[in-house]
Amino acid sequence: MKNILFAFLFLFTAATTVAQNPGETTIAEKFQELITSSNNFKGYKVVDTDQLTTLQELTSNRIAELKEEIASSKEAFNAQEAKISELQAELDNLTEQLSTVTAQKDEISVLGMSLSKASYNTAMWSLVGILVLALALFVVRYKKSHIHTAEARKNLAELEKEFDAYRVKALEKEQRLGRLLQDEKNKQLKVAK
C-alpha cells in the first residue's frame, strides 16, 4: 500500500511539475481535479490528505519558483537599468563629442581667425566676385583705350599725310615764290642796268 501511495505521490508530483510548463495542466486545474476526485460526506468534500499535501507542496514549490523568477527578474531589471544608465551616459558623451567635432569641422582658420565655413565661403565668393568685376572693368577699359589709341593712330596717320601734303605744297609754293622772287630780282637788275 505504501508503494502504491508512494508511486501515486511520485506521479502526482511529476504531473504537477510538468503542469508548470506552458500548455500543460496548471495548479488551478489540479485544484479542480482534487475537488472533483474527492468524496462527498454529509454535504462536505472529503479530500485525501496525501493529495492535499502534495498539492500544497506543489503550490509552495511553484510560489518559491515564482519568487525566484521575480527576484531574478528584478536583478535583471536592475542590471538593465544600470546598463541603460551607462549607455545613456555614453550616448551623452558621444553626443557632446559629436557636437564638438561638428563645430571644429565647420570652422576654418584663416590668418589666425576662426571662421565658419559659411562665412568663409561667403567672404571668398565675394572676393572672387569683386575680382571678376574688377577684371571685367579692366578689360572694358582696356578695349575702350585700345579703340581710342587705334583712332588716335589713325587720326595721326591722316594728319601726317595731310601735313606731308601740306609740306609738299608749301615747298612747291616756296619754290615757286622763290623763282618768282628771283625772276623779279633779275628783272630789277636788268632794268637797273
C-alpha atoms as a PDB file:
ATOM      1  CA  MET A   1       0.000   0.000   0.000  1.00  0.00           C
ATOM      2  CA  LYS A   2       2.850   2.330   0.819  1.00  0.00           C
ATOM      3  CA  ASN A   3       4.390   1.570  -2.573  1.00  0.00           C
ATOM      4  CA  ILE A   4       1.174   2.429  -4.324  1.00  0.00           C
ATOM      5  CA  LEU A   5       0.819   5.592  -2.304  1.00  0.00           C
ATOM      6  CA  PHE A   6       4.458   6.463  -2.976  1.00  0.00           C
ATOM      7  CA  ALA A   7       4.032   5.753  -6.697  1.00  0.00           C
ATOM      8  CA  PHE A   8       0.848   7.821  -6.737  1.00  0.00           C
ATOM      9  CA  LEU A   9       2.611  10.681  -4.955  1.00  0.00           C
ATOM     10  CA  PHE A  10       5.550  10.437  -7.330  1.00  0.00           C
ATOM     11  CA  LEU A  11       3.271  10.507 -10.337  1.00  0.00           C
ATOM     12  CA  PHE A  12       1.280  13.398  -8.880  1.00  0.00           C
ATOM     13  CA  THR A  13       4.458  15.401  -8.200  1.00  0.00           C
ATOM     14  CA  ALA A  14       5.779  14.643 -11.662  1.00  0.00           C
ATOM     15  CA  ALA A  15       2.444  15.637 -13.166  1.00  0.00           C
ATOM     16  CA  THR A  16       2.350  18.903 -11.264  1.00  0.00           C
ATOM     17  CA  THR A  17       5.949  19.649 -12.235  1.00  0.00           C
ATOM     18  CA  VAL A  18       5.049  19.013 -15.845  1.00  0.00           C
ATOM     19  CA  ALA A  19       1.928  21.133 -15.286  1.00  0.00           C
ATOM     20  CA  GLN A  20       4.098  24.159 -14.672  1.00  0.00           C
ATOM     21  CA  ASN A  21       5.268  24.111 -18.282  1.00  0.00           C
ATOM     22  CA  PRO A  22       3.150  26.126 -20.705  1.00  0.00           C
ATOM     23  CA  GLY A  23       0.474  24.060 -22.449  1.00  0.00           C
ATOM     24  CA  GLU A  24       0.287  21.593 -19.504  1.00  0.00           C
ATOM     25  CA  THR A  25      -2.158  21.472 -16.590  1.00  0.00           C
ATOM     26  CA  THR A  26      -1.981  24.358 -14.142  1.00  0.00           C
ATOM     27  CA  ILE A  27      -2.295  24.458 -10.374  1.00  0.00           C
ATOM     28  CA  ALA A  28      -5.877  25.693 -10.708  1.00  0.00           C
ATOM     29  CA  GLU A  29      -6.644  22.654 -12.837  1.00  0.00           C
ATOM     30  CA  LYS A  30      -5.014  20.440 -10.208  1.00  0.00           C
ATOM     31  CA  PHE A  31      -7.225  22.019  -7.515  1.00  0.00           C
ATOM     32  CA  GLN A  32     -10.258  21.374  -9.671  1.00  0.00           C
ATOM     33  CA  GLU A  33      -9.109  17.805 -10.247  1.00  0.00           C
ATOM     34  CA  LEU A  34      -8.630  17.329  -6.469  1.00  0.00           C
ATOM     35  CA  ILE A  35     -12.090  18.706  -5.759  1.00  0.00           C
ATOM     36  CA  THR A  36     -13.743  16.510  -8.385  1.00  0.00           C
ATOM     37  CA  SER A  37     -11.850  13.409  -7.258  1.00  0.00           C
ATOM     38  CA  SER A  38     -12.725  13.928  -3.582  1.00  0.00           C
ATOM     39  CA  ASN A  39     -15.691  12.184  -1.907  1.00  0.00           C
ATOM     40  CA  ASN A  40     -18.833  13.763  -0.522  1.00  0.00           C
ATOM     41  CA  PHE A  41     -19.816  13.200   3.085  1.00  0.00           C
ATOM     42  CA  LYS A  42     -22.875  14.966   4.506  1.00  0.00           C
ATOM     43  CA  GLY A  43     -22.510  17.957   2.163  1.00  0.00           C
ATOM     44  CA  TYR A  44     -18.770  18.191   2.750  1.00  0.00           C
ATOM     45  CA  LYS A  45     -15.960  17.203   0.463  1.00  0.00           C
ATOM     46  CA  VAL A  46     -13.532  14.721   1.850  1.00  0.00           C
ATOM     47  CA  VAL A  47     -10.107  15.262   0.403  1.00  0.00           C
ATOM     48  CA  ASP A  48      -7.259  12.813   0.603  1.00  0.00           C
ATOM     49  CA  THR A  49      -4.640  14.419   2.839  1.00  0.00           C
ATOM     50  CA  ASP A  50      -1.784  12.995   0.762  1.00  0.00           C
ATOM     51  CA  GLN A  51      -3.200  14.602  -2.355  1.00  0.00           C
ATOM     52  CA  LEU A  52      -3.818  17.825  -0.465  1.00  0.00           C
ATOM     53  CA  THR A  53      -0.295  17.764   0.972  1.00  0.00           C
ATOM     54  CA  THR A  54       1.118  17.073  -2.465  1.00  0.00           C
ATOM     55  CA  LEU A  55      -0.897  19.937  -3.915  1.00  0.00           C
ATOM     56  CA  GLN A  56       0.252  22.180  -1.090  1.00  0.00           C
ATOM     57  CA  GLU A  57       3.893  21.232  -1.753  1.00  0.00           C
ATOM     58  CA  LEU A  58       3.356  21.761  -5.446  1.00  0.00           C
ATOM     59  CA  THR A  59       1.815  25.171  -4.784  1.00  0.00           C
ATOM     60  CA  SER A  60       4.582  26.069  -2.331  1.00  0.00           C
ATOM     61  CA  ASN A  61       7.232  24.969  -4.812  1.00  0.00           C
ATOM     62  CA  ARG A  62       5.571  26.956  -7.580  1.00  0.00           C
ATOM     63  CA  ILE A  63       5.338  30.015  -5.335  1.00  0.00           C
ATOM     64  CA  ALA A  64       9.028  29.631  -4.433  1.00  0.00           C
ATOM     65  CA  GLU A  65       9.905  29.284  -8.128  1.00  0.00           C
ATOM     66  CA  LEU A  66       7.863  32.360  -8.967  1.00  0.00           C
ATOM     67  CA  LYS A  67       9.572  34.297  -6.152  1.00  0.00           C
ATOM     68  CA  GLU A  68      12.941  33.211  -7.547  1.00  0.00           C
ATOM     69  CA  GLU A  69      11.831  34.270 -11.027  1.00  0.00           C
ATOM     70  CA  ILE A  70      10.660  37.604  -9.628  1.00  0.00           C
ATOM     71  CA  ALA A  71      13.957  38.059  -7.785  1.00  0.00           C
ATOM     72  CA  SER A  72      15.971  37.147 -10.889  1.00  0.00           C
ATOM     73  CA  SER A  73      13.730  39.411 -12.977  1.00  0.00           C
ATOM     74  CA  LYS A  74      14.359  42.249 -10.511  1.00  0.00           C
ATOM     75  CA  GLU A  75      18.078  41.591 -10.698  1.00  0.00           C
ATOM     76  CA  ALA A  76      17.916  41.513 -14.480  1.00  0.00           C
ATOM     77  CA  PHE A  77      15.825  44.693 -14.410  1.00  0.00           C
ATOM     78  CA  ASN A  78      18.331  46.425 -12.116  1.00  0.00           C
ATOM     79  CA  ALA A  79      21.189  45.230 -14.315  1.00  0.00           C
ATOM     80  CA  GLN A  80      19.375  46.538 -17.385  1.00  0.00           C
ATOM     81  CA  GLU A  81      18.675  49.846 -15.635  1.00  0.00           C
ATOM     82  CA  ALA A  82      22.373  50.148 -14.773  1.00  0.00           C
ATOM     83  CA  LYS A  83      23.285  49.270 -18.352  1.00  0.00           C
ATOM     84  CA  ILE A  84      20.760  51.800 -19.665  1.00  0.00           C
ATOM     85  CA  SER A  85      22.213  54.466 -17.352  1.00  0.00           C
ATOM     86  CA  GLU A  86      25.720  53.601 -18.522  1.00  0.00           C
ATOM     87  CA  LEU A  87      24.659  53.655 -22.169  1.00  0.00           C
ATOM     88  CA  GLN A  88      22.806  56.949 -21.662  1.00  0.00           C
ATOM     89  CA  ALA A  89      25.929  58.495 -20.136  1.00  0.00           C
ATOM     90  CA  GLU A  90      27.984  57.141 -23.036  1.00  0.00           C
ATOM     91  CA  LEU A  91      25.396  58.494 -25.507  1.00  0.00           C
ATOM     92  CA  ASP A  92      25.531  61.925 -23.851  1.00  0.00           C
ATOM     93  CA  ASN A  93      29.326  61.849 -24.010  1.00  0.00           C
ATOM     94  CA  LEU A  94      29.289  60.815 -27.670  1.00  0.00           C
ATOM     95  CA  THR A  95      26.694  63.476 -28.480  1.00  0.00           C
ATOM     96  CA  GLU A  96      28.887  66.109 -26.856  1.00  0.00           C
ATOM     97  CA  GLN A  97      31.937  64.841 -28.751  1.00  0.00           C
ATOM     98  CA  LEU A  98      29.939  64.823 -31.976  1.00  0.00           C
ATOM     99  CA  SER A  99      28.836  68.419 -31.474  1.00  0.00           C
ATOM    100  CA  THR A 100      32.438  69.410 -30.704  1.00  0.00           C
ATOM    101  CA  VAL A 101      33.757  67.623 -33.786  1.00  0.00           C
ATOM    102  CA  THR A 102      30.967  69.096 -35.918  1.00  0.00           C
ATOM    103  CA  ALA A 103      31.794  72.591 -34.658  1.00  0.00           C
ATOM    104  CA  GLN A 104      35.503  72.011 -35.353  1.00  0.00           C
ATOM    105  CA  LYS A 105      34.688  70.615 -38.784  1.00  0.00           C
ATOM    106  CA  ASP A 106      32.543  73.653 -39.546  1.00  0.00           C
ATOM    107  CA  GLU A 107      35.384  76.060 -38.672  1.00  0.00           C
ATOM    108  CA  ILE A 108      38.227  77.213 -40.885  1.00  0.00           C
ATOM    109  CA  SER A 109      41.238  79.088 -39.580  1.00  0.00           C
ATOM    110  CA  VAL A 110      42.215  81.977 -41.859  1.00  0.00           C
ATOM    111  CA  LEU A 111      45.034  84.302 -40.835  1.00  0.00           C
ATOM    112  CA  GLY A 112      44.653  83.134 -37.238  1.00  0.00           C
ATOM    113  CA  MET A 113      40.910  83.831 -37.155  1.00  0.00           C
ATOM    114  CA  SER A 114      38.331  81.073 -36.804  1.00  0.00           C
ATOM    115  CA  LEU A 115      35.543  81.435 -39.335  1.00  0.00           C
ATOM    116  CA  SER A 116      32.598  79.202 -40.017  1.00  0.00           C
ATOM    117  CA  LYS A 117      32.567  77.562 -43.407  1.00  0.00           C
ATOM    118  CA  ALA A 118      29.509  79.585 -44.422  1.00  0.00           C
ATOM    119  CA  SER A 119      31.265  82.869 -43.532  1.00  0.00           C
ATOM    120  CA  TYR A 120      34.431  81.718 -45.265  1.00  0.00           C
ATOM    121  CA  ASN A 121      32.539  80.697 -48.412  1.00  0.00           C
ATOM    122  CA  THR A 122      30.639  83.996 -48.428  1.00  0.00           C
ATOM    123  CA  ALA A 123      33.844  86.005 -47.997  1.00  0.00           C
ATOM    124  CA  MET A 124      35.760  84.032 -50.621  1.00  0.00           C
ATOM    125  CA  TRP A 125      32.975  84.145 -53.211  1.00  0.00           C
ATOM    126  CA  SER A 126      32.520  87.862 -52.536  1.00  0.00           C
ATOM    127  CA  LEU A 127      36.246  88.375 -53.099  1.00  0.00           C
ATOM    128  CA  VAL A 128      36.121  86.283 -56.280  1.00  0.00           C
ATOM    129  CA  GLY A 129      33.092  88.282 -57.472  1.00  0.00           C
ATOM    130  CA  ILE A 130      34.866  91.580 -56.783  1.00  0.00           C
ATOM    131  CA  LEU A 131      37.964  90.372 -58.622  1.00  0.00           C
ATOM    132  CA  VAL A 132      35.880  89.192 -61.592  1.00  0.00           C
ATOM    133  CA  LEU A 133      34.103  92.567 -61.700  1.00  0.00           C
ATOM    134  CA  ALA A 134      37.462  94.367 -61.480  1.00  0.00           C
ATOM    135  CA  LEU A 135      38.833  92.199 -64.296  1.00  0.00           C
ATOM    136  CA  ALA A 136      35.747  92.856 -66.419  1.00  0.00           C
ATOM    137  CA  LEU A 137      36.080  96.611 -65.771  1.00  0.00           C
ATOM    138  CA  PHE A 138      39.793  96.459 -66.631  1.00  0.00           C
ATOM    139  CA  VAL A 139      39.061  94.545 -69.875  1.00  0.00           C
ATOM    140  CA  VAL A 140      36.317  97.011 -70.867  1.00  0.00           C
ATOM    141  CA  ARG A 141      38.558 100.000 -70.164  1.00  0.00           C
ATOM    142  CA  TYR A 142      41.438  98.350 -71.973  1.00  0.00           C
ATOM    143  CA  LYS A 143      39.248  97.759 -75.028  1.00  0.00           C
ATOM    144  CA  LYS A 144      37.977 101.368 -74.926  1.00  0.00           C
ATOM    145  CA  SER A 145      41.533 102.593 -74.515  1.00  0.00           C
ATOM    146  CA  HIS A 146      42.678 100.360 -77.367  1.00  0.00           C
ATOM    147  CA  ILE A 147      39.871 101.694 -79.565  1.00  0.00           C
ATOM    148  CA  HIS A 148      40.842 105.296 -78.671  1.00  0.00           C
ATOM    149  CA  THR A 149      44.507 104.537 -79.301  1.00  0.00           C
ATOM    150  CA  ALA A 150      43.714 102.979 -82.681  1.00  0.00           C
ATOM    151  CA  GLU A 151      41.567 106.024 -83.530  1.00  0.00           C
ATOM    152  CA  ALA A 152      44.317 108.381 -82.408  1.00  0.00           C
ATOM    153  CA  ARG A 153      46.882 106.496 -84.504  1.00  0.00           C
ATOM    154  CA  LYS A 154      44.551 106.606 -87.485  1.00  0.00           C
ATOM    155  CA  ASN A 155      43.993 110.339 -86.965  1.00  0.00           C
ATOM    156  CA  LEU A 156      47.741 110.845 -86.539  1.00  0.00           C
ATOM    157  CA  ALA A 157      48.420 108.960 -89.766  1.00  0.00           C
ATOM    158  CA  GLU A 158      45.839 111.092 -91.569  1.00  0.00           C
ATOM    159  CA  LEU A 159      47.326 114.244 -90.052  1.00  0.00           C
ATOM    160  CA  GLU A 160      50.809 113.147 -91.082  1.00  0.00           C
ATOM    161  CA  LYS A 161      49.557 112.563 -94.633  1.00  0.00           C
ATOM    162  CA  GLU A 162      47.862 115.949 -94.657  1.00  0.00           C
ATOM    163  CA  PHE A 163      50.992 117.528 -93.160  1.00  0.00           C
ATOM    164  CA  ASP A 164      53.192 115.829 -95.747  1.00  0.00           C
ATOM    165  CA  ALA A 165      50.825 117.027 -98.500  1.00  0.00           C
ATOM    166  CA  TYR A 166      50.816 120.490 -96.973  1.00  0.00           C
ATOM    167  CA  ARG A 167      54.633 120.465 -96.714  1.00  0.00           C
ATOM    168  CA  VAL A 168      54.924 119.413-100.330  1.00  0.00           C
ATOM    169  CA  LYS A 169      52.507 122.167-101.359  1.00  0.00           C
ATOM    170  CA  ALA A 170      54.268 124.658 -99.131  1.00  0.00           C
ATOM    171  CA  LEU A 171      57.645 123.606-100.576  1.00  0.00           C
ATOM    172  CA  GLU A 172      56.280 123.895-104.089  1.00  0.00           C
ATOM    173  CA  LYS A 173      54.770 127.273-103.217  1.00  0.00           C
ATOM    174  CA  GLU A 174      58.007 128.409-101.641  1.00  0.00           C
ATOM    175  CA  GLN A 175      59.964 127.264-104.661  1.00  0.00           C
ATOM    176  CA  ARG A 176      57.516 128.994-106.986  1.00  0.00           C
ATOM    177  CA  LEU A 177      57.625 132.132-104.879  1.00  0.00           C
ATOM    178  CA  GLY A 178      61.408 131.824-104.737  1.00  0.00           C
ATOM    179  CA  ARG A 179      61.503 131.629-108.542  1.00  0.00           C
ATOM    180  CA  LEU A 180      59.128 134.499-108.889  1.00  0.00           C
ATOM    181  CA  LEU A 181      61.244 136.495-106.499  1.00  0.00           C
ATOM    182  CA  GLN A 182      64.358 135.597-108.378  1.00  0.00           C
ATOM    183  CA  ASP A 183      62.663 136.456-111.658  1.00  0.00           C
ATOM    184  CA  GLU A 184      61.634 139.841-110.231  1.00  0.00           C
ATOM    185  CA  LYS A 185      65.143 140.430-108.900  1.00  0.00           C
ATOM    186  CA  ASN A 186      66.516 139.572-112.288  1.00  0.00           C
ATOM    187  CA  LYS A 187      64.069 141.964-113.913  1.00  0.00           C
ATOM    188  CA  GLN A 188      65.023 144.661-111.485  1.00  0.00           C
ATOM    189  CA  LEU A 189      68.674 144.121-112.173  1.00  0.00           C
ATOM    190  CA  LYS A 190      68.102 144.249-115.882  1.00  0.00           C
ATOM    191  CA  VAL A 191      66.044 147.367-115.545  1.00  0.00           C
ATOM    192  CA  ALA A 192      68.615 148.946-113.286  1.00  0.00           C
ATOM    193  CA  LYS A 193      71.431 148.248-115.639  1.00  0.00           C
END
